[in-house]
Amino acid sequence: MSLQSKKSFASLDYTRCDPSRCDPVEGLCAAVPACSHKLIKQLDGPFTSPVIFQDMCMGCWDCIEACPLDAISATHIGS
């Protein structure tokens, strides 16, 4: 059995994330619709920080590019 030695995924800095600054009217996170894999969701509704399903992240980084607050970054673990 071969184990993956390195994994990269998107992670969210909750201290920087504020959907009301992305969309003051509707409170929608700009990164949610940017994720073509649908792995970022605002589970608790508008004006709440999204959740990134990191274990399924494909590493396309579209969410990083879409976030106007630089609250999403790439995290690399492993060797």
PDB file of N, CA and C in Angstrom:
ATOM      1  N   MET A   1       0.849  -1.179   0.000  1.00  0.00           N
ATOM      2  CA  MET A   1       0.000   0.000   0.000  1.00  0.00           C
ATOM      3  C   MET A   1       0.895   1.243   0.000  1.00  0.00           C
ATOM      4  N   SER A   2       0.579   2.188  -0.842  1.00  0.00           N
ATOM      5  CA  SER A   2       1.358   3.420  -0.954  1.00  0.00           C
ATOM      6  C   SER A   2       0.602   4.570  -0.300  1.00  0.00           C
ATOM      7  N   LEU A   3       1.284   5.277   0.579  1.00  0.00           N
ATOM      8  CA  LEU A   3       0.670   6.425   1.237  1.00  0.00           C
ATOM      9  C   LEU A   3       1.115   7.706   0.547  1.00  0.00           C
ATOM     10  N   GLN A   4       0.212   8.657   0.472  1.00  0.00           N
ATOM     11  CA  GLN A   4       0.550   9.942  -0.122  1.00  0.00           C
ATOM     12  C   GLN A   4       1.503  10.682   0.806  1.00  0.00           C
ATOM     13  N   SER A   5       2.645  11.122   0.289  1.00  0.00           N
ATOM     14  CA  SER A   5       3.645  11.736   1.142  1.00  0.00           C
ATOM     15  C   SER A   5       3.421  13.229   1.341  1.00  0.00           C
ATOM     16  N   LYS A   6       2.666  13.848   0.467  1.00  0.00           N
ATOM     17  CA  LYS A   6       2.453  15.283   0.593  1.00  0.00           C
ATOM     18  C   LYS A   6       1.017  15.613   0.217  1.00  0.00           C
ATOM     19  N   LYS A   7       0.422  16.538   0.952  1.00  0.00           N
ATOM     20  CA  LYS A   7      -0.941  16.956   0.680  1.00  0.00           C
ATOM     21  C   LYS A   7      -1.006  18.470   0.779  1.00  0.00           C
ATOM     22  N   SER A   8      -1.667  19.073  -0.159  1.00  0.00           N
ATOM     23  CA  SER A   8      -1.895  20.511  -0.140  1.00  0.00           C
ATOM     24  C   SER A   8      -3.394  20.748  -0.151  1.00  0.00           C
ATOM     25  N   PHE A   9      -3.810  21.733   0.613  1.00  0.00           N
ATOM     26  CA  PHE A   9      -5.228  22.051   0.664  1.00  0.00           C
ATOM     27  C   PHE A   9      -5.399  23.518   1.039  1.00  0.00           C
ATOM     28  N   ALA A  10      -6.566  24.044   0.776  1.00  0.00           N
ATOM     29  CA  ALA A  10      -6.892  25.422   1.129  1.00  0.00           C
ATOM     30  C   ALA A  10      -7.313  25.477   2.590  1.00  0.00           C
ATOM     31  N   SER A  11      -6.878  26.521   3.274  1.00  0.00           N
ATOM     32  CA  SER A  11      -7.310  26.709   4.659  1.00  0.00           C
ATOM     33  C   SER A  11      -7.746  28.157   4.850  1.00  0.00           C
ATOM     34  N   LEU A  12      -8.642  28.349   5.788  1.00  0.00           N
ATOM     35  CA  LEU A  12      -9.277  29.643   6.013  1.00  0.00           C
ATOM     36  C   LEU A  12      -8.792  30.263   7.309  1.00  0.00           C
ATOM     37  N   ASP A  13      -8.417  31.522   7.238  1.00  0.00           N
ATOM     38  CA  ASP A  13      -8.043  32.289   8.424  1.00  0.00           C
ATOM     39  C   ASP A  13      -9.307  33.015   8.899  1.00  0.00           C
ATOM     40  N   TYR A  14      -9.910  32.483   9.945  1.00  0.00           N
ATOM     41  CA  TYR A  14     -11.184  33.026  10.417  1.00  0.00           C
ATOM     42  C   TYR A  14     -11.058  34.427  11.003  1.00  0.00           C
ATOM     43  N   THR A  15      -9.859  34.846  11.328  1.00  0.00           N
ATOM     44  CA  THR A  15      -9.677  36.209  11.839  1.00  0.00           C
ATOM     45  C   THR A  15      -9.745  37.237  10.712  1.00  0.00           C
ATOM     46  N   ARG A  16      -9.511  36.803   9.486  1.00  0.00           N
ATOM     47  CA  ARG A  16      -9.570  37.710   8.335  1.00  0.00           C
ATOM     48  C   ARG A  16     -10.887  37.603   7.572  1.00  0.00           C
ATOM     49  N   CYS A  17     -11.557  36.476   7.681  1.00  0.00           N
ATOM     50  CA  CYS A  17     -12.774  36.214   6.914  1.00  0.00           C
ATOM     51  C   CYS A  17     -13.942  37.019   7.465  1.00  0.00           C
ATOM     52  N   ASP A  18     -14.626  37.738   6.573  1.00  0.00           N
ATOM     53  CA  ASP A  18     -15.809  38.520   6.950  1.00  0.00           C
ATOM     54  C   ASP A  18     -16.698  38.679   5.722  1.00  0.00           C
ATOM     55  N   PRO A  19     -17.636  37.741   5.499  1.00  0.00           N
ATOM     56  CA  PRO A  19     -18.479  37.803   4.319  1.00  0.00           C
ATOM     57  C   PRO A  19     -19.256  39.118   4.157  1.00  0.00           C
ATOM     58  N   SER A  20     -19.469  39.844   5.245  1.00  0.00           N
ATOM     59  CA  SER A  20     -20.168  41.128   5.109  1.00  0.00           C
ATOM     60  C   SER A  20     -19.295  42.158   4.396  1.00  0.00           C
ATOM     61  N   ARG A  21     -17.988  41.941   4.376  1.00  0.00           N
ATOM     62  CA  ARG A  21     -17.100  42.818   3.624  1.00  0.00           C
ATOM     63  C   ARG A  21     -17.003  42.381   2.164  1.00  0.00           C
ATOM     64  N   CYS A  22     -17.219  41.106   1.897  1.00  0.00           N
ATOM     65  CA  CYS A  22     -17.232  40.608   0.511  1.00  0.00           C
ATOM     66  C   CYS A  22     -18.493  41.068  -0.208  1.00  0.00           C
ATOM     67  N   ASP A  23     -19.597  40.953   0.485  1.00  0.00           N
ATOM     68  CA  ASP A  23     -20.907  41.279  -0.090  1.00  0.00           C
ATOM     69  C   ASP A  23     -21.775  41.884   1.014  1.00  0.00           C
ATOM     70  N   PRO A  24     -21.710  43.218   1.179  1.00  0.00           N
ATOM     71  CA  PRO A  24     -22.443  43.867   2.279  1.00  0.00           C
ATOM     72  C   PRO A  24     -23.957  43.685   2.222  1.00  0.00           C
ATOM     73  N   VAL A  25     -24.502  43.446   1.050  1.00  0.00           N
ATOM     74  CA  VAL A  25     -25.953  43.324   0.909  1.00  0.00           C
ATOM     75  C   VAL A  25     -26.444  41.914   1.224  1.00  0.00           C
ATOM     76  N   GLU A  26     -25.793  40.907   0.643  1.00  0.00           N
ATOM     77  CA  GLU A  26     -26.271  39.528   0.799  1.00  0.00           C
ATOM     78  C   GLU A  26     -25.411  38.669   1.724  1.00  0.00           C
ATOM     79  N   GLY A  27     -24.215  39.135   2.083  1.00  0.00           N
ATOM     80  CA  GLY A  27     -23.361  38.401   3.005  1.00  0.00           C
ATOM     81  C   GLY A  27     -22.803  37.113   2.465  1.00  0.00           C
ATOM     82  N   LEU A  28     -22.588  37.087   1.159  1.00  0.00           N
ATOM     83  CA  LEU A  28     -22.094  35.868   0.539  1.00  0.00           C
ATOM     84  C   LEU A  28     -20.585  35.920   0.351  1.00  0.00           C
ATOM     85  N   CYS A  29     -19.932  34.842   0.673  1.00  0.00           N
ATOM     86  CA  CYS A  29     -18.489  34.701   0.525  1.00  0.00           C
ATOM     87  C   CYS A  29     -18.146  34.587  -0.957  1.00  0.00           C
ATOM     88  N   ALA A  30     -17.186  35.369  -1.415  1.00  0.00           N
ATOM     89  CA  ALA A  30     -16.798  35.361  -2.831  1.00  0.00           C
ATOM     90  C   ALA A  30     -16.132  34.052  -3.247  1.00  0.00           C
ATOM     91  N   ALA A  31     -15.543  33.343  -2.309  1.00  0.00           N
ATOM     92  CA  ALA A  31     -14.837  32.104  -2.639  1.00  0.00           C
ATOM     93  C   ALA A  31     -15.776  30.915  -2.855  1.00  0.00           C
ATOM     94  N   VAL A  32     -16.956  30.960  -2.295  1.00  0.00           N
ATOM     95  CA  VAL A  32     -17.886  29.827  -2.397  1.00  0.00           C
ATOM     96  C   VAL A  32     -18.231  29.520  -3.855  1.00  0.00           C
ATOM     97  N   PRO A  33     -18.709  30.484  -4.631  1.00  0.00           N
ATOM     98  CA  PRO A  33     -19.034  30.151  -6.024  1.00  0.00           C
ATOM     99  C   PRO A  33     -17.794  29.913  -6.893  1.00  0.00           C
ATOM    100  N   ALA A  34     -16.639  30.358  -6.437  1.00  0.00           N
ATOM    101  CA  ALA A  34     -15.408  30.165  -7.207  1.00  0.00           C
ATOM    102  C   ALA A  34     -14.914  28.726  -7.161  1.00  0.00           C
ATOM    103  N   CYS A  35     -15.308  27.973  -6.148  1.00  0.00           N
ATOM    104  CA  CYS A  35     -14.862  26.592  -6.013  1.00  0.00           C
ATOM    105  C   CYS A  35     -15.682  25.696  -6.949  1.00  0.00           C
ATOM    106  N   SER A  36     -15.059  25.311  -8.047  1.00  0.00           N
ATOM    107  CA  SER A  36     -15.772  24.484  -9.027  1.00  0.00           C
ATOM    108  C   SER A  36     -16.048  23.075  -8.510  1.00  0.00           C
ATOM    109  N   HIS A  37     -15.364  22.680  -7.449  1.00  0.00           N
ATOM    110  CA  HIS A  37     -15.562  21.360  -6.859  1.00  0.00           C
ATOM    111  C   HIS A  37     -16.612  21.376  -5.745  1.00  0.00           C
ATOM    112  N   LYS A  38     -17.127  22.566  -5.436  1.00  0.00           N
ATOM    113  CA  LYS A  38     -18.181  22.745  -4.419  1.00  0.00           C
ATOM    114  C   LYS A  38     -17.745  22.263  -3.037  1.00  0.00           C
ATOM    115  N   LEU A  39     -16.493  22.588  -2.665  1.00  0.00           N
ATOM    116  CA  LEU A  39     -15.950  22.138  -1.387  1.00  0.00           C
ATOM    117  C   LEU A  39     -15.871  23.249  -0.353  1.00  0.00           C
ATOM    118  N   ILE A  40     -16.423  24.411  -0.679  1.00  0.00           N
ATOM    119  CA  ILE A  40     -16.512  25.516   0.270  1.00  0.00           C
ATOM    120  C   ILE A  40     -17.982  25.876   0.388  1.00  0.00           C
ATOM    121  N   LYS A  41     -18.475  25.898   1.604  1.00  0.00           N
ATOM    122  CA  LYS A  41     -19.903  26.159   1.818  1.00  0.00           C
ATOM    123  C   LYS A  41     -20.095  27.079   3.015  1.00  0.00           C
ATOM    124  N   GLN A  42     -21.089  27.935   2.922  1.00  0.00           N
ATOM    125  CA  GLN A  42     -21.518  28.733   4.071  1.00  0.00           C
ATOM    126  C   GLN A  42     -22.650  27.953   4.729  1.00  0.00           C
ATOM    127  N   LEU A  43     -22.290  27.009   5.563  1.00  0.00           N
ATOM    128  CA  LEU A  43     -23.251  26.079   6.147  1.00  0.00           C
ATOM    129  C   LEU A  43     -24.285  26.752   7.038  1.00  0.00           C
ATOM    130  N   ASP A  44     -23.876  27.812   7.731  1.00  0.00           N
ATOM    131  CA  ASP A  44     -24.794  28.483   8.650  1.00  0.00           C
ATOM    132  C   ASP A  44     -25.506  29.664   8.007  1.00  0.00           C
ATOM    133  N   GLY A  45     -25.385  29.817   6.698  1.00  0.00           N
ATOM    134  CA  GLY A  45     -26.110  30.846   5.975  1.00  0.00           C
ATOM    135  C   GLY A  45     -25.288  32.092   5.694  1.00  0.00           C
ATOM    136  N   PRO A  46     -25.938  33.083   5.068  1.00  0.00           N
ATOM    137  CA  PRO A  46     -25.276  34.331   4.722  1.00  0.00           C
ATOM    138  C   PRO A  46     -24.677  35.019   5.953  1.00  0.00           C
ATOM    139  N   PHE A  47     -23.653  35.805   5.707  1.00  0.00           N
ATOM    140  CA  PHE A  47     -22.941  36.581   6.732  1.00  0.00           C
ATOM    141  C   PHE A  47     -22.156  35.713   7.714  1.00  0.00           C
ATOM    142  N   THR A  48     -22.013  34.423   7.424  1.00  0.00           N
ATOM    143  CA  THR A  48     -21.203  33.550   8.268  1.00  0.00           C
ATOM    144  C   THR A  48     -19.996  33.074   7.469  1.00  0.00           C
ATOM    145  N   SER A  49     -18.925  32.807   8.158  1.00  0.00           N
ATOM    146  CA  SER A  49     -17.714  32.326   7.490  1.00  0.00           C
ATOM    147  C   SER A  49     -17.966  30.948   6.892  1.00  0.00           C
ATOM    148  N   PRO A  50     -17.380  30.691   5.739  1.00  0.00           N
ATOM    149  CA  PRO A  50     -17.579  29.382   5.116  1.00  0.00           C
ATOM    150  C   PRO A  50     -16.725  28.306   5.775  1.00  0.00           C
ATOM    151  N   VAL A  51     -16.990  27.096   5.390  1.00  0.00           N
ATOM    152  CA  VAL A  51     -16.221  25.934   5.822  1.00  0.00           C
ATOM    153  C   VAL A  51     -15.587  25.341   4.569  1.00  0.00           C
ATOM    154  N   ILE A  52     -14.308  25.001   4.656  1.00  0.00           N
ATOM    155  CA  ILE A  52     -13.621  24.348   3.546  1.00  0.00           C
ATOM    156  C   ILE A  52     -13.465  22.872   3.894  1.00  0.00           C
ATOM    157  N   PHE A  53     -13.943  22.010   3.044  1.00  0.00           N
ATOM    158  CA  PHE A  53     -13.792  20.568   3.244  1.00  0.00           C
ATOM    159  C   PHE A  53     -12.391  20.180   2.781  1.00  0.00           C
ATOM    160  N   GLN A  54     -11.423  20.363   3.671  1.00  0.00           N
ATOM    161  CA  GLN A  54     -10.006  20.239   3.346  1.00  0.00           C
ATOM    162  C   GLN A  54      -9.619  18.844   2.889  1.00  0.00           C
ATOM    163  N   ASP A  55     -10.245  17.824   3.430  1.00  0.00           N
ATOM    164  CA  ASP A  55      -9.868  16.461   3.073  1.00  0.00           C
ATOM    165  C   ASP A  55     -10.184  16.128   1.615  1.00  0.00           C
ATOM    166  N   MET A  56     -11.059  16.919   0.986  1.00  0.00           N
ATOM    167  CA  MET A  56     -11.410  16.685  -0.411  1.00  0.00           C
ATOM    168  C   MET A  56     -10.865  17.768  -1.343  1.00  0.00           C
ATOM    169  N   CYS A  57     -10.158  18.745  -0.799  1.00  0.00           N
ATOM    170  CA  CYS A  57      -9.631  19.856  -1.590  1.00  0.00           C
ATOM    171  C   CYS A  57      -8.754  19.330  -2.716  1.00  0.00           C
ATOM    172  N   MET A  58      -8.986  19.835  -3.920  1.00  0.00           N
ATOM    173  CA  MET A  58      -8.250  19.398  -5.105  1.00  0.00           C
ATOM    174  C   MET A  58      -7.009  20.242  -5.369  1.00  0.00           C
ATOM    175  N   GLY A  59      -6.840  21.328  -4.631  1.00  0.00           N
ATOM    176  CA  GLY A  59      -5.661  22.174  -4.808  1.00  0.00           C
ATOM    177  C   GLY A  59      -5.675  23.009  -6.071  1.00  0.00           C
ATOM    178  N   CYS A  60      -6.844  23.399  -6.538  1.00  0.00           N
ATOM    179  CA  CYS A  60      -6.912  24.227  -7.753  1.00  0.00           C
ATOM    180  C   CYS A  60      -6.659  25.710  -7.446  1.00  0.00           C
ATOM    181  N   TRP A  61      -6.868  26.097  -6.188  1.00  0.00           N
ATOM    182  CA  TRP A  61      -6.612  27.441  -5.652  1.00  0.00           C
ATOM    183  C   TRP A  61      -7.518  28.525  -6.225  1.00  0.00           C
ATOM    184  N   ASP A  62      -8.626  28.156  -6.852  1.00  0.00           N
ATOM    185  CA  ASP A  62      -9.583  29.155  -7.343  1.00  0.00           C
ATOM    186  C   ASP A  62     -10.150  29.968  -6.184  1.00  0.00           C
ATOM    187  N   CYS A  63     -10.332  29.347  -5.045  1.00  0.00           N
ATOM    188  CA  CYS A  63     -10.869  30.043  -3.872  1.00  0.00           C
ATOM    189  C   CYS A  63      -9.892  31.106  -3.371  1.00  0.00           C
ATOM    190  N   ILE A  64      -8.605  30.808  -3.441  1.00  0.00           N
ATOM    191  CA  ILE A  64      -7.586  31.766  -2.998  1.00  0.00           C
ATOM    192  C   ILE A  64      -7.632  33.004  -3.879  1.00  0.00           C
ATOM    193  N   GLU A  65      -7.737  32.799  -5.173  1.00  0.00           N
ATOM    194  CA  GLU A  65      -7.801  33.913  -6.113  1.00  0.00           C
ATOM    195  C   GLU A  65      -9.075  34.730  -5.936  1.00  0.00           C
ATOM    196  N   ALA A  66     -10.166  34.080  -5.551  1.00  0.00           N
ATOM    197  CA  ALA A  66     -11.458  34.767  -5.448  1.00  0.00           C
ATOM    198  C   ALA A  66     -11.636  35.541  -4.155  1.00  0.00           C
ATOM    199  N   CYS A  67     -10.888  35.203  -3.114  1.00  0.00           N
ATOM    200  CA  CYS A  67     -11.083  35.836  -1.811  1.00  0.00           C
ATOM    201  C   CYS A  67     -10.458  37.233  -1.790  1.00  0.00           C
ATOM    202  N   PRO A  68     -11.289  38.282  -1.683  1.00  0.00           N
ATOM    203  CA  PRO A  68     -10.755  39.648  -1.692  1.00  0.00           C
ATOM    204  C   PRO A  68     -10.067  40.042  -0.381  1.00  0.00           C
ATOM    205  N   LEU A  69     -10.238  39.246   0.663  1.00  0.00           N
ATOM    206  CA  LEU A  69      -9.678  39.571   1.970  1.00  0.00           C
ATOM    207  C   LEU A  69      -8.388  38.800   2.268  1.00  0.00           C
ATOM    208  N   ASP A  70      -7.929  38.003   1.324  1.00  0.00           N
ATOM    209  CA  ASP A  70      -6.750  37.157   1.520  1.00  0.00           C
ATOM    210  C   ASP A  70      -6.878  36.281   2.763  1.00  0.00           C
ATOM    211  N   ALA A  71      -8.087  35.781   2.995  1.00  0.00           N
ATOM    212  CA  ALA A  71      -8.347  34.946   4.167  1.00  0.00           C
ATOM    213  C   ALA A  71      -8.118  33.461   3.887  1.00  0.00           C
ATOM    214  N   ILE A  72      -7.919  33.103   2.623  1.00  0.00           N
ATOM    215  CA  ILE A  72      -7.705  31.712   2.262  1.00  0.00           C
ATOM    216  C   ILE A  72      -6.285  31.569   1.736  1.00  0.00           C
ATOM    217  N   SER A  73      -5.623  30.531   2.200  1.00  0.00           N
ATOM    218  CA  SER A  73      -4.242  30.291   1.745  1.00  0.00           C
ATOM    219  C   SER A  73      -4.037  28.797   1.539  1.00  0.00           C
ATOM    220  N   ALA A  74      -2.955  28.482   0.850  1.00  0.00           N
ATOM    221  CA  ALA A  74      -2.599  27.085   0.624  1.00  0.00           C
ATOM    222  C   ALA A  74      -1.797  26.584   1.820  1.00  0.00           C
ATOM    223  N   THR A  75      -2.143  25.412   2.297  1.00  0.00           N
ATOM    224  CA  THR A  75      -1.421  24.765   3.383  1.00  0.00           C
ATOM    225  C   THR A  75      -0.830  23.472   2.848  1.00  0.00           C
ATOM    226  N   HIS A  76       0.430  23.233   3.156  1.00  0.00           N
ATOM    227  CA  HIS A  76       1.119  22.034   2.685  1.00  0.00           C
ATOM    228  C   HIS A  76       1.582  21.246   3.918  1.00  0.00           C
ATOM    229  N   ILE A  77       1.284  19.967   3.918  1.00  0.00           N
ATOM    230  CA  ILE A  77       1.741  19.100   5.003  1.00  0.00           C
ATOM    231  C   ILE A  77       2.463  17.904   4.391  1.00  0.00           C
ATOM    232  N   GLY A  78       3.279  17.290   5.156  1.00  0.00           N
ATOM    233  CA  GLY A  78       4.008  16.126   4.691  1.00  0.00           C
ATOM    234  C   GLY A  78       5.379  16.505   4.174  1.00  0.00           C
ATOM    235  N   SER A  79       6.059  15.528   3.624  1.00  0.00           N
ATOM    236  CA  SER A  79       7.416  15.787   3.123  1.00  0.00           C
ATOM    237  C   SER A  79       7.479  15.820   1.628  1.00  0.00           C
TER     238      SER A  79
END
